[in-house]
Amino acid sequence: MARRIPIISYNEELSIKKPQVYKSLIEGVSEAIKTNNNEIKLCEIKSTNTYLTVHKNNWSSSLASALNFYIEQEEYEKCSEIKNLIHKI
């Protein structure tokens, strides 16, 4: 299945899109590890054809933020998936 990159309005509260953005982060890092890429497209800014990207150097810290989010949400399967990704980096 093709990965869906979230689209965010320029002035939109990012906190509203956290679930979509973190899902995109996890899928993007997982895909990048498999394809040996050093950067992922995290989300697109609506109507600008501009993407927010995350370089490999920042994957671990970004995934740590996602881990904290999923711990708060009590989504422990996602937590396990994130921990596995961090170990693969």
N, C-alpha and C. Protein backbone atom coordinates (compact mmCIF):
# COMPACT_ATOMS: atom_id res chain seq x y z
N MET A 1 0.84 -1.18 0.00
CA MET A 1 0.00 0.00 0.00
C MET A 1 0.89 1.24 0.00
N ALA A 2 0.54 2.20 -0.80
CA ALA A 2 1.30 3.44 -0.89
C ALA A 2 1.14 4.28 0.37
N ARG A 3 2.21 4.91 0.76
CA ARG A 3 2.20 5.74 1.96
C ARG A 3 1.48 7.05 1.66
N ARG A 4 0.63 7.48 2.60
CA ARG A 4 -0.09 8.75 2.44
C ARG A 4 0.59 9.81 3.30
N ILE A 5 1.07 10.84 2.67
CA ILE A 5 1.73 11.94 3.37
C ILE A 5 0.67 12.96 3.75
N PRO A 6 0.55 13.30 5.05
CA PRO A 6 -0.48 14.25 5.46
C PRO A 6 -0.26 15.64 4.86
N ILE A 7 -1.35 16.32 4.58
CA ILE A 7 -1.31 17.69 4.06
C ILE A 7 -1.79 18.61 5.18
N ILE A 8 -0.98 19.63 5.45
CA ILE A 8 -1.27 20.54 6.55
C ILE A 8 -1.39 21.96 6.00
N SER A 9 -2.43 22.66 6.43
CA SER A 9 -2.58 24.07 6.06
C SER A 9 -1.49 24.87 6.75
N TYR A 10 -1.05 25.93 6.10
CA TYR A 10 0.06 26.73 6.61
C TYR A 10 -0.19 27.23 8.03
N ASN A 11 -1.40 27.65 8.33
CA ASN A 11 -1.68 28.24 9.65
C ASN A 11 -2.41 27.27 10.58
N GLU A 12 -2.45 26.00 10.23
CA GLU A 12 -3.16 25.00 11.03
C GLU A 12 -2.34 24.61 12.26
N GLU A 13 -3.05 24.37 13.34
CA GLU A 13 -2.40 23.90 14.56
C GLU A 13 -1.83 22.50 14.30
N LEU A 14 -0.55 22.35 14.46
CA LEU A 14 0.07 21.05 14.22
C LEU A 14 -0.40 20.01 15.23
N SER A 15 -0.78 20.45 16.42
CA SER A 15 -1.23 19.50 17.44
C SER A 15 -2.49 18.74 17.00
N ILE A 16 -3.29 19.35 16.15
CA ILE A 16 -4.50 18.69 15.63
C ILE A 16 -4.11 17.52 14.74
N LYS A 17 -3.02 17.66 14.02
CA LYS A 17 -2.58 16.65 13.06
C LYS A 17 -1.55 15.67 13.64
N LYS A 18 -1.27 15.76 14.94
CA LYS A 18 -0.24 14.89 15.53
C LYS A 18 -0.40 13.42 15.16
N PRO A 19 -1.59 12.85 15.30
CA PRO A 19 -1.70 11.42 14.96
C PRO A 19 -1.30 11.12 13.52
N GLN A 20 -1.72 11.95 12.58
CA GLN A 20 -1.37 11.73 11.18
C GLN A 20 0.12 11.94 10.93
N VAL A 21 0.69 12.96 11.57
CA VAL A 21 2.11 13.27 11.37
C VAL A 21 2.98 12.17 11.96
N TYR A 22 2.66 11.71 13.17
CA TYR A 22 3.45 10.64 13.77
C TYR A 22 3.31 9.34 12.99
N LYS A 23 2.12 9.06 12.47
CA LYS A 23 1.93 7.87 11.64
C LYS A 23 2.80 7.98 10.38
N SER A 24 2.83 9.17 9.79
CA SER A 24 3.66 9.40 8.61
C SER A 24 5.14 9.22 8.94
N LEU A 25 5.54 9.69 10.11
CA LEU A 25 6.93 9.54 10.55
C LEU A 25 7.30 8.07 10.66
N ILE A 26 6.47 7.29 11.33
CA ILE A 26 6.76 5.87 11.53
C ILE A 26 6.82 5.14 10.18
N GLU A 27 5.84 5.38 9.33
CA GLU A 27 5.81 4.73 8.02
C GLU A 27 6.99 5.18 7.16
N GLY A 28 7.29 6.48 7.21
CA GLY A 28 8.38 7.02 6.41
C GLY A 28 9.73 6.47 6.82
N VAL A 29 9.99 6.42 8.11
CA VAL A 29 11.27 5.88 8.59
C VAL A 29 11.38 4.40 8.26
N SER A 30 10.31 3.66 8.47
CA SER A 30 10.31 2.24 8.15
C SER A 30 10.62 2.01 6.67
N GLU A 31 9.97 2.77 5.82
CA GLU A 31 10.19 2.67 4.37
C GLU A 31 11.62 3.07 4.01
N ALA A 32 12.12 4.15 4.62
CA ALA A 32 13.47 4.65 4.31
C ALA A 32 14.54 3.65 4.74
N ILE A 33 14.32 2.97 5.85
CA ILE A 33 15.28 1.95 6.29
C ILE A 33 15.35 0.83 5.25
N LYS A 34 14.20 0.41 4.75
CA LYS A 34 14.15 -0.67 3.76
C LYS A 34 14.79 -0.26 2.44
N THR A 35 14.62 1.02 2.05
CA THR A 35 15.11 1.49 0.76
C THR A 35 16.45 2.22 0.86
N ASN A 36 17.00 2.29 2.08
CA ASN A 36 18.29 2.92 2.32
C ASN A 36 18.31 4.41 1.96
N ASN A 37 17.22 5.11 2.25
CA ASN A 37 17.16 6.56 2.05
C ASN A 37 17.61 7.28 3.31
N ASN A 38 18.07 8.51 3.16
CA ASN A 38 18.56 9.29 4.29
C ASN A 38 17.61 10.39 4.72
N GLU A 39 16.44 10.48 4.07
CA GLU A 39 15.51 11.55 4.39
C GLU A 39 14.09 11.07 4.07
N ILE A 40 13.14 11.55 4.87
CA ILE A 40 11.74 11.22 4.58
C ILE A 40 10.93 12.50 4.43
N LYS A 41 9.87 12.41 3.65
CA LYS A 41 8.89 13.49 3.59
C LYS A 41 7.90 13.24 4.70
N LEU A 42 7.81 14.17 5.64
CA LEU A 42 6.93 13.99 6.79
C LEU A 42 5.51 14.44 6.48
N CYS A 43 5.38 15.64 5.91
CA CYS A 43 4.07 16.16 5.54
C CYS A 43 4.24 17.24 4.48
N GLU A 44 3.13 17.58 3.85
CA GLU A 44 3.12 18.59 2.80
C GLU A 44 2.37 19.82 3.30
N ILE A 45 2.88 21.00 2.96
CA ILE A 45 2.17 22.24 3.27
C ILE A 45 1.18 22.48 2.15
N LYS A 46 -0.10 22.57 2.50
CA LYS A 46 -1.19 22.66 1.53
C LYS A 46 -0.98 23.79 0.53
N SER A 47 -1.20 23.47 -0.73
CA SER A 47 -1.18 24.43 -1.85
C SER A 47 0.17 25.10 -2.07
N THR A 48 1.26 24.50 -1.60
CA THR A 48 2.57 25.11 -1.80
C THR A 48 3.55 24.18 -2.51
N ASN A 49 3.20 22.90 -2.62
CA ASN A 49 4.10 21.89 -3.16
C ASN A 49 5.42 21.86 -2.38
N THR A 50 5.34 22.16 -1.08
CA THR A 50 6.49 22.16 -0.18
C THR A 50 6.29 21.06 0.87
N TYR A 51 7.37 20.33 1.12
CA TYR A 51 7.31 19.24 2.08
C TYR A 51 8.21 19.54 3.28
N LEU A 52 7.74 19.16 4.46
CA LEU A 52 8.59 19.16 5.64
C LEU A 52 9.27 17.79 5.63
N THR A 53 10.59 17.80 5.74
CA THR A 53 11.34 16.56 5.69
C THR A 53 12.08 16.33 7.01
N VAL A 54 12.45 15.09 7.24
CA VAL A 54 13.23 14.73 8.42
C VAL A 54 14.44 13.94 7.93
N HIS A 55 15.62 14.45 8.23
CA HIS A 55 16.86 13.78 7.84
C HIS A 55 17.16 12.65 8.82
N LYS A 56 17.89 11.68 8.35
CA LYS A 56 18.22 10.50 9.15
C LYS A 56 18.82 10.86 10.51
N ASN A 57 19.60 11.93 10.59
CA ASN A 57 20.21 12.36 11.85
C ASN A 57 19.16 12.68 12.91
N ASN A 58 17.95 13.00 12.50
CA ASN A 58 16.89 13.40 13.43
C ASN A 58 15.81 12.33 13.64
N TRP A 59 15.97 11.18 13.01
CA TRP A 59 14.94 10.15 13.13
C TRP A 59 14.76 9.68 14.56
N SER A 60 15.87 9.40 15.26
CA SER A 60 15.76 8.86 16.62
C SER A 60 15.04 9.82 17.55
N SER A 61 15.40 11.10 17.50
CA SER A 61 14.75 12.07 18.38
C SER A 61 13.28 12.27 18.00
N SER A 62 13.00 12.24 16.70
CA SER A 62 11.61 12.38 16.26
C SER A 62 10.78 11.17 16.68
N LEU A 63 11.37 9.99 16.55
CA LEU A 63 10.67 8.78 16.97
C LEU A 63 10.47 8.76 18.49
N ALA A 64 11.42 9.32 19.24
CA ALA A 64 11.27 9.41 20.70
C ALA A 64 10.06 10.28 21.05
N SER A 65 9.86 11.36 20.31
CA SER A 65 8.67 12.20 20.53
C SER A 65 7.39 11.43 20.21
N ALA A 66 7.44 10.68 19.12
CA ALA A 66 6.28 9.86 18.76
C ALA A 66 6.02 8.81 19.83
N LEU A 67 7.08 8.23 20.37
CA LEU A 67 6.93 7.23 21.42
C LEU A 67 6.22 7.82 22.63
N ASN A 68 6.62 9.01 23.04
CA ASN A 68 5.96 9.68 24.17
C ASN A 68 4.48 9.92 23.89
N PHE A 69 4.18 10.33 22.66
CA PHE A 69 2.78 10.56 22.27
C PHE A 69 1.97 9.27 22.39
N TYR A 70 2.50 8.17 21.86
CA TYR A 70 1.76 6.91 21.88
C TYR A 70 1.68 6.30 23.28
N ILE A 71 2.66 6.59 24.14
CA ILE A 71 2.56 6.15 25.54
C ILE A 71 1.38 6.87 26.20
N GLU A 72 1.27 8.19 25.96
CA GLU A 72 0.15 8.96 26.51
C GLU A 72 -1.20 8.45 25.99
N GLN A 73 -1.21 8.01 24.74
CA GLN A 73 -2.44 7.50 24.12
C GLN A 73 -2.71 6.04 24.49
N GLU A 74 -1.74 5.43 25.19
CA GLU A 74 -1.82 4.02 25.57
C GLU A 74 -1.95 3.09 24.37
N GLU A 75 -1.24 3.44 23.29
CA GLU A 75 -1.20 2.60 22.09
C GLU A 75 0.13 1.86 22.09
N TYR A 76 0.18 0.80 22.87
CA TYR A 76 1.44 0.12 23.15
C TYR A 76 1.97 -0.69 21.96
N GLU A 77 1.11 -1.09 21.04
CA GLU A 77 1.62 -1.76 19.84
C GLU A 77 2.45 -0.79 19.01
N LYS A 78 1.99 0.45 18.91
CA LYS A 78 2.77 1.49 18.20
C LYS A 78 4.09 1.74 18.92
N CYS A 79 4.05 1.73 20.26
CA CYS A 79 5.28 1.94 21.05
C CYS A 79 6.31 0.86 20.72
N SER A 80 5.86 -0.37 20.64
CA SER A 80 6.75 -1.48 20.30
C SER A 80 7.34 -1.30 18.90
N GLU A 81 6.50 -0.91 17.97
CA GLU A 81 6.94 -0.67 16.59
C GLU A 81 8.00 0.43 16.55
N ILE A 82 7.77 1.50 17.29
CA ILE A 82 8.72 2.62 17.33
C ILE A 82 10.05 2.19 17.94
N LYS A 83 9.99 1.44 19.04
CA LYS A 83 11.23 0.96 19.67
C LYS A 83 12.04 0.10 18.71
N ASN A 84 11.36 -0.74 17.94
CA ASN A 84 12.05 -1.57 16.95
C ASN A 84 12.72 -0.71 15.88
N LEU A 85 12.04 0.33 15.44
CA LEU A 85 12.63 1.22 14.44
C LEU A 85 13.86 1.93 15.00
N ILE A 86 13.77 2.41 16.24
CA ILE A 86 14.91 3.10 16.85
C ILE A 86 16.12 2.18 16.90
N HIS A 87 15.91 0.90 17.21
CA HIS A 87 17.01 -0.06 17.27
C HIS A 87 17.61 -0.32 15.87
N LYS A 88 16.81 -0.20 14.84
CA LYS A 88 17.29 -0.45 13.47
C LYS A 88 18.12 0.71 12.90
N ILE A 89 17.91 1.89 13.47
CA ILE A 89 18.59 3.09 12.91
C ILE A 89 20.08 3.02 13.19
